[in-house]
Each structure stands twice: as structure tokens, then as C-alpha cells.
Protein backbone atom coordinates (compact mmCIF):
# COMPACT_ATOMS: atom_id res chain seq x y z
CA MET A 1 33.36 57.01 68.58
CA ASN A 2 35.01 53.71 69.47
CA ALA A 3 33.21 50.52 68.45
CA ASN A 4 34.31 47.43 70.31
CA GLY A 5 31.62 45.11 69.05
CA PRO A 6 29.40 42.79 71.03
CA GLY A 7 32.16 41.06 73.01
CA PRO A 8 34.34 38.04 72.47
CA SER A 9 32.86 35.08 70.64
CA PRO A 10 33.30 31.57 72.02
CA PHE A 11 36.04 31.10 69.42
CA SER A 12 37.93 34.33 70.08
CA PRO A 13 39.32 35.57 73.40
CA SER A 14 38.92 39.19 72.33
CA ALA A 15 36.33 41.41 70.67
CA GLY A 16 39.28 43.37 69.24
CA HIS A 17 40.93 43.24 65.86
CA HIS A 18 43.54 40.52 65.28
CA ILE A 19 46.76 42.11 64.04
CA ALA A 20 49.48 39.46 64.43
CA THR A 21 50.66 36.17 65.83
CA VAL A 22 54.03 36.23 67.58
CA SER A 23 56.15 33.65 69.34
CA HIS A 24 57.50 34.01 72.86
CA ASP A 25 59.07 31.47 75.18
CA GLY A 26 58.19 28.51 72.95
CA ARG A 27 54.54 29.50 72.47
CA PHE A 28 52.52 31.32 69.85
CA TRP A 29 50.40 34.28 70.93
CA ASP A 30 47.60 35.97 68.98
CA VAL A 31 47.67 39.75 69.28
CA TYR A 32 44.49 41.83 69.22
CA VAL A 33 43.87 45.58 69.34
CA GLU A 34 41.12 46.54 71.76
CA PHE A 35 39.64 50.01 72.00
CA GLU A 36 38.72 51.68 75.26
CA ASP A 37 36.57 54.79 75.66
CA ASP A 38 37.76 57.72 77.74
CA PRO A 39 34.87 59.95 78.80
CA ARG A 40 37.33 62.79 79.46
CA ARG A 41 38.55 62.66 75.85
CA PRO A 42 35.71 61.34 73.69
CA ASP A 43 37.36 62.64 70.52
CA THR A 44 40.30 60.20 70.77
CA HIS A 45 40.69 56.53 69.94
CA ARG A 46 42.56 54.77 72.73
CA ALA A 47 43.78 51.21 72.26
CA LEU A 48 45.61 48.49 74.13
CA LEU A 49 47.01 45.15 73.05
CA CYS A 50 45.47 41.86 74.11
CA TYR A 51 47.58 38.69 73.90
CA PHE A 52 46.17 35.17 74.01
CA PRO A 53 48.20 31.96 73.68
CA ALA A 54 47.37 29.63 70.81
CA ASP A 55 47.58 26.71 73.27
CA PRO A 56 45.91 28.03 76.41
CA GLY A 57 46.19 26.05 79.60
CA GLU A 58 43.17 25.42 81.76
CA GLY A 59 41.94 28.68 83.18
CA GLU A 60 44.57 30.71 81.32
CA GLU A 61 43.28 34.14 80.42
CA ALA A 62 44.30 36.86 78.02
CA VAL A 63 47.12 39.24 78.96
CA ARG A 64 46.61 42.93 78.25
CA THR A 65 48.83 45.98 78.14
CA GLY A 66 47.67 49.34 79.37
CA VAL A 67 46.46 51.84 76.79
CA ILE A 68 49.47 52.44 74.56
CA ILE A 69 47.91 53.90 71.42
CA ILE A 70 46.05 57.22 71.39
CA GLU A 71 45.10 58.67 68.01
CA ASP A 72 42.53 61.06 66.54
CA SER A 73 40.85 58.42 64.38
CA PHE A 74 40.17 54.70 64.38
CA GLU A 75 42.14 54.35 61.14
CA GLU A 76 45.20 56.08 62.59
CA ALA A 77 45.07 53.90 65.70
CA MET A 78 44.85 50.72 63.62
CA LEU A 79 47.69 51.89 61.38
CA LYS A 80 49.84 52.55 64.46
CA ALA A 81 49.05 49.10 65.88
CA ARG A 82 49.76 47.35 62.58
CA SER A 83 53.07 49.19 62.25
CA LEU A 84 54.45 47.54 65.39
CA MET A 85 57.17 45.03 64.54
CA ASP A 86 57.21 41.49 65.94
CA LEU A 87 60.09 42.36 68.27
CA GLN A 88 58.09 45.26 69.70
CA LEU A 89 55.00 43.07 70.11
CA GLN A 90 57.10 40.42 71.88
CA ALA A 91 58.63 43.02 74.20
CA LEU A 92 55.19 44.39 75.07
CA LEU A 93 54.00 40.85 75.81
CA ARG A 94 56.98 40.23 78.12
CA SER A 95 56.20 43.45 79.97
CA ALA A 96 52.55 42.44 80.45
CA LEU A 97 53.14 38.87 81.64
CA PRO A 98 53.03 38.24 85.39
């Protein structure tokens, strides 16, 4: 099914797969794809995007979207995530920021 890995390392804010770095509001943000299991639909691969600033302030945490990718396979989900353009990734970040 979905393999998230052991959790974030001390050097990475996410256990997900890094897919891009985008700029927004004068900052650079690393974008990761994180998978989430759904016990009601174990045959699907559900993913969300996790954003983390390259220059985090003290106590600043990652910003995550809701699940926005649902595919039949891990490969299809990753392909969908990697097909997102920078403008789309930036818009999703804006929508997830407080």
C-alpha cells in the first residue's frame, strides 16, 4: 500500500518525496509529496503537499494542503504531483498558508 517511511529526519521537515522548490512572497519553499492511508479505500494512493520554507523562523512549521491527489498506484500519484507547474504549486501554498 502506501509507504511513508520512518518519519522526517533531523535534516528534512517531511518524510515525503521532494518534488520542487518554489518561491512565494520573497521566500523559497521546498515542496514534498506525503502519502496518507485511507482505511475505507486501501486500494488508492492518496497524497497531499507539504511546504517548508528554506529559511524557517523559530518555531515555524511545515504547511500542508489537504489530500489533493488520489490515484490507483504510487507511480501515478507521483507522476500527477510532478506534473504540477510552479504556478500551481505557488497557488496551493497560498491557499494553505494561515
